[in-house]
Amino acid sequence: MRAGRLIFVASLAAVGCNLLTGVSDLVVGEAPPVDPLPLGDDGSAPGVDGSNPLPDGKPPKEDASEDTRRDVVGSDARDVVASDTGSTAKRVFVTSTLHTGDYNGLANADLVCNGLATDAALGGTWVAWLSTSAKNAEDRLTAAGPWYLLDGTLVGTKAQLSGTTIAHAIDIDESKTKVPNDEVWTGTRLGKYYLGDCNLWNAASPYGGTIGTTNTNAASWTASTEVICSQAHRLYCFEN
C-alpha cells in the first residue's frame, strides 16, 4: 500500500513538471534540439567569410572594378597605375600660368613646373617639355613613363611622346582643372628641337618659338606653329 502511494505521488510530480515546462518525454543527458541555420539563396550554408549571405542579409562587398580603381587623381593615380602595371608611372600637367618665352633658361622653366607642383601639393620632381638647339625635350626626361594626367587618364610612354600621337591631350592643370584650348611653349617636334627656342628660352623678342596646343593628341600637341617669343603661353610639366 505504501509502495502504491509512492508511485502515485511520483506520477503526479511528473505531470506537474510537464505542465509547468511544456516539455514532455525529456530524457536526462540529452541536449534540447537546436534550430538549423537558414540556408543561402542557393541552398548552401552561409560562409564565415561573407560568401553566400543569408537571404535577408546584405550581399558581400565586391572588389572595386578596374574602372573604379582608376577613377583617382594626383599621387593616388600614380600609385594605382604603378601597382597594376608594374611600371614606374609618372604624372603630367599643363601649367595654369602663362609666360613669355624668356624663362632665363631651361632650368628656370623647370622651376616654374616644380613651384606649381609644390603649391598644389603634388610632390615629385618635374621638368618642362622644352627643347633647345642644344638639348632635346625627350633627352631631358630620364624616366620611361608612362605618364598620366592628374585625373588618371593615360597620356603615353616616352616613345609615344616622341611619336606622332599620344593617347590623350594634355589638358589638365596642376590643380586638376581642365583647361580650354590653349597654346603651350615646346620648341619640340617628335621629341626633338624644332623651329625655334626663343634663343634658348632666354629672350622674348625678336626671336620665335615653337608652340603646341592642349586640345589634341595628334602631333600638333607639341608642334603646331612658331610664334614670336613676346607672347605668353603655358608649359607642359612632366614628372621625372
C-alpha atoms as a PDB file:
ATOM      1  CA  MET A   1       0.000   0.000   0.000  1.00  0.00           C
ATOM      2  CA  ARG A   2       2.818   2.350   0.862  1.00  0.00           C
ATOM      3  CA  ALA A   3       4.647   1.482  -2.403  1.00  0.00           C
ATOM      4  CA  GLY A   4       1.492   2.272  -4.401  1.00  0.00           C
ATOM      5  CA  ARG A   5       1.229   5.681  -2.789  1.00  0.00           C
ATOM      6  CA  LEU A   6       4.838   6.484  -3.699  1.00  0.00           C
ATOM      7  CA  ILE A   7       4.220   5.550  -7.363  1.00  0.00           C
ATOM      8  CA  PHE A   8       1.082   7.707  -7.425  1.00  0.00           C
ATOM      9  CA  VAL A   9       2.974  10.737  -5.946  1.00  0.00           C
ATOM     10  CA  ALA A  10       5.783  10.341  -8.476  1.00  0.00           C
ATOM     11  CA  SER A  11       3.281  10.275 -11.324  1.00  0.00           C
ATOM     12  CA  LEU A  12       1.629  13.453 -10.082  1.00  0.00           C
ATOM     13  CA  ALA A  13       5.039  15.150  -9.850  1.00  0.00           C
ATOM     14  CA  ALA A  14       5.891  14.218 -13.444  1.00  0.00           C
ATOM     15  CA  VAL A  15       2.581  15.531 -14.733  1.00  0.00           C
ATOM     16  CA  GLY A  16       3.072  18.784 -12.845  1.00  0.00           C
ATOM     17  CA  CYS A  17       6.572  19.203 -14.284  1.00  0.00           C
ATOM     18  CA  ASN A  18       5.302  18.724 -17.825  1.00  0.00           C
ATOM     19  CA  LEU A  19       2.536  21.260 -17.278  1.00  0.00           C
ATOM     20  CA  LEU A  20       4.963  23.872 -15.926  1.00  0.00           C
ATOM     21  CA  THR A  21       7.684  23.470 -18.573  1.00  0.00           C
ATOM     22  CA  GLY A  22       5.668  22.448 -21.604  1.00  0.00           C
ATOM     23  CA  VAL A  23       8.198  19.679 -22.262  1.00  0.00           C
ATOM     24  CA  SER A  24       7.320  16.037 -22.432  1.00  0.00           C
ATOM     25  CA  ASP A  25       9.433  12.967 -22.936  1.00  0.00           C
ATOM     26  CA  LEU A  26      12.537  14.824 -21.717  1.00  0.00           C
ATOM     27  CA  VAL A  27      15.408  12.413 -21.388  1.00  0.00           C
ATOM     28  CA  VAL A  28      18.118  13.234 -18.902  1.00  0.00           C
ATOM     29  CA  GLY A  29      21.513  13.727 -20.557  1.00  0.00           C
ATOM     30  CA  GLU A  30      20.174  14.861 -23.987  1.00  0.00           C
ATOM     31  CA  ALA A  31      20.622  18.455 -25.181  1.00  0.00           C
ATOM     32  CA  PRO A  32      17.493  20.319 -26.284  1.00  0.00           C
ATOM     33  CA  PRO A  33      17.011  20.488 -30.047  1.00  0.00           C
ATOM     34  CA  VAL A  34      18.596  23.444 -31.937  1.00  0.00           C
ATOM     35  CA  ASP A  35      17.014  25.112 -34.955  1.00  0.00           C
ATOM     36  CA  PRO A  36      19.179  24.707 -38.073  1.00  0.00           C
ATOM     37  CA  LEU A  37      20.858  27.756 -39.661  1.00  0.00           C
ATOM     38  CA  PRO A  38      18.902  29.284 -42.520  1.00  0.00           C
ATOM     39  CA  LEU A  39      20.364  28.444 -45.905  1.00  0.00           C
ATOM     40  CA  GLY A  40      21.516  30.850 -48.588  1.00  0.00           C
ATOM     41  CA  ASP A  41      19.734  31.505 -51.845  1.00  0.00           C
ATOM     42  CA  ASP A  42      21.479  28.559 -53.495  1.00  0.00           C
ATOM     43  CA  GLY A  43      20.591  26.158 -50.681  1.00  0.00           C
ATOM     44  CA  SER A  44      24.050  26.081 -49.084  1.00  0.00           C
ATOM     45  CA  ALA A  45      25.094  27.322 -45.655  1.00  0.00           C
ATOM     46  CA  PRO A  46      26.468  30.865 -45.336  1.00  0.00           C
ATOM     47  CA  GLY A  47      30.257  31.127 -45.253  1.00  0.00           C
ATOM     48  CA  VAL A  48      32.159  32.777 -42.437  1.00  0.00           C
ATOM     49  CA  ASP A  49      33.984  34.934 -44.965  1.00  0.00           C
ATOM     50  CA  GLY A  50      30.795  36.672 -46.069  1.00  0.00           C
ATOM     51  CA  SER A  51      30.155  34.444 -49.076  1.00  0.00           C
ATOM     52  CA  ASN A  52      26.633  33.130 -49.678  1.00  0.00           C
ATOM     53  CA  PRO A  53      24.953  35.640 -47.317  1.00  0.00           C
ATOM     54  CA  LEU A  54      21.692  34.980 -45.539  1.00  0.00           C
ATOM     55  CA  PRO A  55      18.590  35.656 -47.647  1.00  0.00           C
ATOM     56  CA  ASP A  56      17.763  38.744 -45.598  1.00  0.00           C
ATOM     57  CA  GLY A  57      21.358  39.893 -45.227  1.00  0.00           C
ATOM     58  CA  LYS A  58      23.412  42.315 -47.283  1.00  0.00           C
ATOM     59  CA  PRO A  59      25.404  40.976 -50.244  1.00  0.00           C
ATOM     60  CA  PRO A  60      29.147  40.631 -49.743  1.00  0.00           C
ATOM     61  CA  LYS A  61      31.256  43.620 -50.716  1.00  0.00           C
ATOM     62  CA  GLU A  62      32.824  43.012 -54.086  1.00  0.00           C
ATOM     63  CA  ASP A  63      36.266  44.137 -55.139  1.00  0.00           C
ATOM     64  CA  ALA A  64      36.281  47.518 -56.837  1.00  0.00           C
ATOM     65  CA  SER A  65      36.114  47.317 -60.591  1.00  0.00           C
ATOM     66  CA  GLU A  66      39.041  48.371 -62.754  1.00  0.00           C
ATOM     67  CA  ASP A  67      37.151  51.470 -63.836  1.00  0.00           C
ATOM     68  CA  THR A  68      36.505  52.454 -60.222  1.00  0.00           C
ATOM     69  CA  ARG A  69      40.109  51.858 -59.209  1.00  0.00           C
ATOM     70  CA  ARG A  70      41.292  54.145 -61.994  1.00  0.00           C
ATOM     71  CA  ASP A  71      38.911  56.947 -61.011  1.00  0.00           C
ATOM     72  CA  VAL A  72      41.620  58.604 -58.969  1.00  0.00           C
ATOM     73  CA  VAL A  73      43.667  61.748 -59.059  1.00  0.00           C
ATOM     74  CA  GLY A  74      47.095  63.096 -58.121  1.00  0.00           C
ATOM     75  CA  SER A  75      49.556  60.794 -56.422  1.00  0.00           C
ATOM     76  CA  ASP A  76      46.830  58.145 -55.966  1.00  0.00           C
ATOM     77  CA  ALA A  77      46.651  57.812 -59.719  1.00  0.00           C
ATOM     78  CA  ARG A  78      50.352  57.175 -59.890  1.00  0.00           C
ATOM     79  CA  ASP A  79      50.255  54.578 -57.105  1.00  0.00           C
ATOM     80  CA  VAL A  80      47.321  52.624 -58.545  1.00  0.00           C
ATOM     81  CA  VAL A  81      48.699  52.515 -62.064  1.00  0.00           C
ATOM     82  CA  ALA A  82      52.166  51.546 -60.901  1.00  0.00           C
ATOM     83  CA  SER A  83      50.694  48.735 -58.813  1.00  0.00           C
ATOM     84  CA  ASP A  84      48.573  47.459 -61.707  1.00  0.00           C
ATOM     85  CA  THR A  85      51.196  47.526 -64.436  1.00  0.00           C
ATOM     86  CA  GLY A  86      54.435  47.050 -62.552  1.00  0.00           C
ATOM     87  CA  SER A  87      55.754  50.157 -64.286  1.00  0.00           C
ATOM     88  CA  THR A  88      57.054  53.434 -62.912  1.00  0.00           C
ATOM     89  CA  ALA A  89      54.013  55.555 -63.621  1.00  0.00           C
ATOM     90  CA  LYS A  90      54.510  59.315 -63.788  1.00  0.00           C
ATOM     91  CA  ARG A  91      52.255  62.358 -63.989  1.00  0.00           C
ATOM     92  CA  VAL A  92      51.980  65.302 -66.360  1.00  0.00           C
ATOM     93  CA  PHE A  93      50.073  68.589 -66.318  1.00  0.00           C
ATOM     94  CA  VAL A  94      49.852  71.815 -68.274  1.00  0.00           C
ATOM     95  CA  THR A  95      50.513  74.968 -66.288  1.00  0.00           C
ATOM     96  CA  SER A  96      47.704  77.232 -65.194  1.00  0.00           C
ATOM     97  CA  THR A  97      50.068  80.202 -65.591  1.00  0.00           C
ATOM     98  CA  LEU A  98      51.300  81.845 -68.794  1.00  0.00           C
ATOM     99  CA  HIS A  99      54.737  83.310 -69.513  1.00  0.00           C
ATOM    100  CA  THR A 100      56.678  84.796 -72.373  1.00  0.00           C
ATOM    101  CA  GLY A 101      59.422  82.724 -73.981  1.00  0.00           C
ATOM    102  CA  ASP A 102      62.007  84.408 -71.774  1.00  0.00           C
ATOM    103  CA  TYR A 103      62.392  81.973 -68.876  1.00  0.00           C
ATOM    104  CA  ASN A 104      66.045  82.848 -68.365  1.00  0.00           C
ATOM    105  CA  GLY A 105      66.964  79.314 -69.470  1.00  0.00           C
ATOM    106  CA  LEU A 106      65.658  75.762 -69.202  1.00  0.00           C
ATOM    107  CA  ALA A 107      66.475  75.460 -65.501  1.00  0.00           C
ATOM    108  CA  ASN A 108      64.147  78.303 -64.612  1.00  0.00           C
ATOM    109  CA  ALA A 109      61.385  76.859 -66.779  1.00  0.00           C
ATOM    110  CA  ASP A 110      61.754  73.678 -64.723  1.00  0.00           C
ATOM    111  CA  LEU A 111      61.455  75.797 -61.575  1.00  0.00           C
ATOM    112  CA  VAL A 112      58.093  77.073 -62.811  1.00  0.00           C
ATOM    113  CA  CYS A 113      56.860  73.474 -63.068  1.00  0.00           C
ATOM    114  CA  ASN A 114      58.204  72.483 -59.667  1.00  0.00           C
ATOM    115  CA  GLY A 115      56.839  75.609 -57.996  1.00  0.00           C
ATOM    116  CA  LEU A 116      53.324  74.951 -59.285  1.00  0.00           C
ATOM    117  CA  ALA A 117      53.570  71.265 -58.294  1.00  0.00           C
ATOM    118  CA  THR A 118      54.671  72.257 -54.791  1.00  0.00           C
ATOM    119  CA  ASP A 119      51.829  74.752 -54.424  1.00  0.00           C
ATOM    120  CA  ALA A 120      49.393  72.027 -55.486  1.00  0.00           C
ATOM    121  CA  ALA A 121      50.948  69.522 -53.023  1.00  0.00           C
ATOM    122  CA  LEU A 122      51.779  67.084 -55.818  1.00  0.00           C
ATOM    123  CA  GLY A 123      55.300  66.228 -54.720  1.00  0.00           C
ATOM    124  CA  GLY A 124      57.762  64.752 -57.196  1.00  0.00           C
ATOM    125  CA  THR A 125      60.367  66.331 -59.460  1.00  0.00           C
ATOM    126  CA  TRP A 126      59.225  67.979 -62.692  1.00  0.00           C
ATOM    127  CA  VAL A 127      60.749  69.184 -65.948  1.00  0.00           C
ATOM    128  CA  ALA A 128      59.287  71.418 -68.641  1.00  0.00           C
ATOM    129  CA  TRP A 129      58.694  69.840 -72.057  1.00  0.00           C
ATOM    130  CA  LEU A 130      61.084  72.208 -73.829  1.00  0.00           C
ATOM    131  CA  SER A 131      63.800  71.671 -76.399  1.00  0.00           C
ATOM    132  CA  THR A 132      66.670  73.936 -77.388  1.00  0.00           C
ATOM    133  CA  SER A 133      69.055  73.698 -80.290  1.00  0.00           C
ATOM    134  CA  ALA A 134      71.445  72.120 -77.785  1.00  0.00           C
ATOM    135  CA  LYS A 135      69.100  69.806 -75.826  1.00  0.00           C
ATOM    136  CA  ASN A 136      66.053  67.779 -76.902  1.00  0.00           C
ATOM    137  CA  ALA A 137      62.980  67.555 -74.693  1.00  0.00           C
ATOM    138  CA  GLU A 138      62.961  63.747 -74.894  1.00  0.00           C
ATOM    139  CA  ASP A 139      66.514  63.667 -73.525  1.00  0.00           C
ATOM    140  CA  ARG A 140      65.523  65.822 -70.571  1.00  0.00           C
ATOM    141  CA  LEU A 141      63.154  63.062 -69.442  1.00  0.00           C
ATOM    142  CA  THR A 142      65.135  60.358 -67.684  1.00  0.00           C
ATOM    143  CA  ALA A 143      62.038  58.269 -66.859  1.00  0.00           C
ATOM    144  CA  ALA A 144      60.398  55.937 -69.377  1.00  0.00           C
ATOM    145  CA  GLY A 145      56.865  56.548 -68.146  1.00  0.00           C
ATOM    146  CA  PRO A 146      54.085  56.038 -68.877  1.00  0.00           C
ATOM    147  CA  TRP A 147      52.697  59.444 -67.963  1.00  0.00           C
ATOM    148  CA  TYR A 148      49.140  60.085 -66.778  1.00  0.00           C
ATOM    149  CA  LEU A 149      47.062  63.201 -66.301  1.00  0.00           C
ATOM    150  CA  LEU A 150      46.195  64.067 -62.719  1.00  0.00           C
ATOM    151  CA  ASP A 151      42.766  62.501 -63.224  1.00  0.00           C
ATOM    152  CA  GLY A 152      44.363  59.134 -64.086  1.00  0.00           C
ATOM    153  CA  THR A 153      43.996  59.381 -67.883  1.00  0.00           C
ATOM    154  CA  LEU A 154      46.829  57.799 -69.855  1.00  0.00           C
ATOM    155  CA  VAL A 155      48.921  60.195 -71.963  1.00  0.00           C
ATOM    156  CA  GLY A 156      51.662  57.874 -73.144  1.00  0.00           C
ATOM    157  CA  THR A 157      55.116  56.394 -72.796  1.00  0.00           C
ATOM    158  CA  LYS A 158      58.341  58.190 -73.648  1.00  0.00           C
ATOM    159  CA  ALA A 159      58.288  56.510 -77.055  1.00  0.00           C
ATOM    160  CA  GLN A 160      54.780  57.821 -77.686  1.00  0.00           C
ATOM    161  CA  LEU A 161      55.770  61.336 -76.635  1.00  0.00           C
ATOM    162  CA  SER A 162      58.417  61.231 -79.343  1.00  0.00           C
ATOM    163  CA  GLY A 163      55.988  59.775 -81.901  1.00  0.00           C
ATOM    164  CA  THR A 164      53.214  61.244 -83.990  1.00  0.00           C
ATOM    165  CA  THR A 165      50.370  60.820 -81.481  1.00  0.00           C
ATOM    166  CA  ILE A 166      49.807  60.494 -77.771  1.00  0.00           C
ATOM    167  CA  ALA A 167      46.945  58.675 -76.060  1.00  0.00           C
ATOM    168  CA  HIS A 168      45.212  61.824 -74.815  1.00  0.00           C
ATOM    169  CA  ALA A 169      45.627  65.579 -74.987  1.00  0.00           C
ATOM    170  CA  ILE A 170      47.434  67.166 -72.034  1.00  0.00           C
ATOM    171  CA  ASP A 171      44.581  69.381 -70.887  1.00  0.00           C
ATOM    172  CA  ILE A 172      44.565  69.181 -67.070  1.00  0.00           C
ATOM    173  CA  ASP A 173      46.495  71.720 -64.997  1.00  0.00           C
ATOM    174  CA  GLU A 174      48.241  71.292 -61.649  1.00  0.00           C
ATOM    175  CA  SER A 175      45.009  71.946 -59.742  1.00  0.00           C
ATOM    176  CA  LYS A 176      43.265  69.161 -61.700  1.00  0.00           C
ATOM    177  CA  THR A 177      41.250  71.707 -63.682  1.00  0.00           C
ATOM    178  CA  LYS A 178      40.545  71.109 -67.361  1.00  0.00           C
ATOM    179  CA  VAL A 179      41.966  73.956 -69.442  1.00  0.00           C
ATOM    180  CA  PRO A 180      40.427  75.412 -72.596  1.00  0.00           C
ATOM    181  CA  ASN A 181      42.094  75.075 -75.975  1.00  0.00           C
ATOM    182  CA  ASP A 182      45.323  76.979 -75.472  1.00  0.00           C
ATOM    183  CA  GLU A 183      48.906  77.219 -76.678  1.00  0.00           C
ATOM    184  CA  VAL A 184      51.987  75.824 -74.953  1.00  0.00           C
ATOM    185  CA  TRP A 185      55.687  76.583 -75.408  1.00  0.00           C
ATOM    186  CA  THR A 186      57.610  73.485 -76.538  1.00  0.00           C
ATOM    187  CA  GLY A 187      60.297  74.138 -79.163  1.00  0.00           C
ATOM    188  CA  THR A 188      59.750  70.463 -79.900  1.00  0.00           C
ATOM    189  CA  ARG A 189      58.513  68.097 -82.582  1.00  0.00           C
ATOM    190  CA  LEU A 190      58.795  64.284 -82.336  1.00  0.00           C
ATOM    191  CA  GLY A 191      60.648  64.770 -79.057  1.00  0.00           C
ATOM    192  CA  LYS A 192      63.390  66.901 -80.615  1.00  0.00           C
ATOM    193  CA  TYR A 193      64.227  70.544 -81.210  1.00  0.00           C
ATOM    194  CA  TYR A 194      62.071  72.120 -83.885  1.00  0.00           C
ATOM    195  CA  LEU A 195      61.936  75.585 -85.482  1.00  0.00           C
ATOM    196  CA  GLY A 196      62.519  77.949 -82.562  1.00  0.00           C
ATOM    197  CA  ASP A 197      63.530  78.091 -78.898  1.00  0.00           C
ATOM    198  CA  CYS A 198      63.336  81.813 -78.037  1.00  0.00           C
ATOM    199  CA  ASN A 199      67.130  81.992 -78.021  1.00  0.00           C
ATOM    200  CA  LEU A 200      67.478  79.003 -75.664  1.00  0.00           C
ATOM    201  CA  TRP A 201      64.393  80.280 -73.779  1.00  0.00           C
ATOM    202  CA  ASN A 202      66.284  83.396 -72.808  1.00  0.00           C
ATOM    203  CA  ALA A 203      64.584  86.112 -74.827  1.00  0.00           C
ATOM    204  CA  ALA A 204      61.117  87.439 -75.564  1.00  0.00           C
ATOM    205  CA  SER A 205      61.832  89.306 -78.813  1.00  0.00           C
ATOM    206  CA  PRO A 206      62.613  89.318 -81.700  1.00  0.00           C
ATOM    207  CA  TYR A 207      63.003  85.543 -81.559  1.00  0.00           C
ATOM    208  CA  GLY A 208      60.441  82.874 -82.325  1.00  0.00           C
ATOM    209  CA  GLY A 209      59.468  79.690 -80.508  1.00  0.00           C
ATOM    210  CA  THR A 210      57.504  76.560 -81.386  1.00  0.00           C
ATOM    211  CA  ILE A 211      54.189  76.013 -79.627  1.00  0.00           C
ATOM    212  CA  GLY A 212      51.758  73.113 -79.266  1.00  0.00           C
ATOM    213  CA  THR A 213      48.060  73.053 -78.391  1.00  0.00           C
ATOM    214  CA  THR A 214      46.186  71.497 -75.478  1.00  0.00           C
ATOM    215  CA  ASN A 215      43.128  70.272 -77.385  1.00  0.00           C
ATOM    216  CA  THR A 216      44.636  67.417 -79.375  1.00  0.00           C
ATOM    217  CA  ASN A 217      46.552  64.162 -79.109  1.00  0.00           C
ATOM    218  CA  ALA A 218      47.885  64.498 -82.667  1.00  0.00           C
ATOM    219  CA  ALA A 219      51.403  65.727 -83.439  1.00  0.00           C
ATOM    220  CA  SER A 220      50.271  69.324 -83.004  1.00  0.00           C
ATOM    221  CA  TRP A 221      50.023  68.774 -79.242  1.00  0.00           C
ATOM    222  CA  THR A 222      53.720  69.658 -79.263  1.00  0.00           C
ATOM    223  CA  ALA A 223      54.316  71.280 -82.675  1.00  0.00           C
ATOM    224  CA  SER A 224      51.577  73.464 -84.077  1.00  0.00           C
ATOM    225  CA  THR A 225      53.347  76.595 -85.329  1.00  0.00           C
ATOM    226  CA  GLU A 226      56.009  79.150 -84.469  1.00  0.00           C
ATOM    227  CA  VAL A 227      55.160  82.453 -82.795  1.00  0.00           C
ATOM    228  CA  ILE A 228      57.053  85.462 -81.525  1.00  0.00           C
ATOM    229  CA  CYS A 229      58.527  84.904 -78.072  1.00  0.00           C
ATOM    230  CA  SER A 230      56.929  88.025 -76.545  1.00  0.00           C
ATOM    231  CA  GLN A 231      53.619  86.155 -76.478  1.00  0.00           C
ATOM    232  CA  ALA A 232      52.587  84.477 -73.211  1.00  0.00           C
ATOM    233  CA  HIS A 233      51.848  80.753 -73.223  1.00  0.00           C
ATOM    234  CA  ARG A 234      51.718  77.750 -70.919  1.00  0.00           C
ATOM    235  CA  LEU A 235      54.187  74.906 -70.289  1.00  0.00           C
ATOM    236  CA  TYR A 236      53.815  71.147 -70.216  1.00  0.00           C
ATOM    237  CA  CYS A 237      55.299  69.771 -66.983  1.00  0.00           C
ATOM    238  CA  PHE A 238      56.395  66.130 -66.800  1.00  0.00           C
ATOM    239  CA  GLU A 239      57.245  64.277 -63.621  1.00  0.00           C
ATOM    240  CA  ASN A 240      60.765  62.918 -63.955  1.00  0.00           C
END
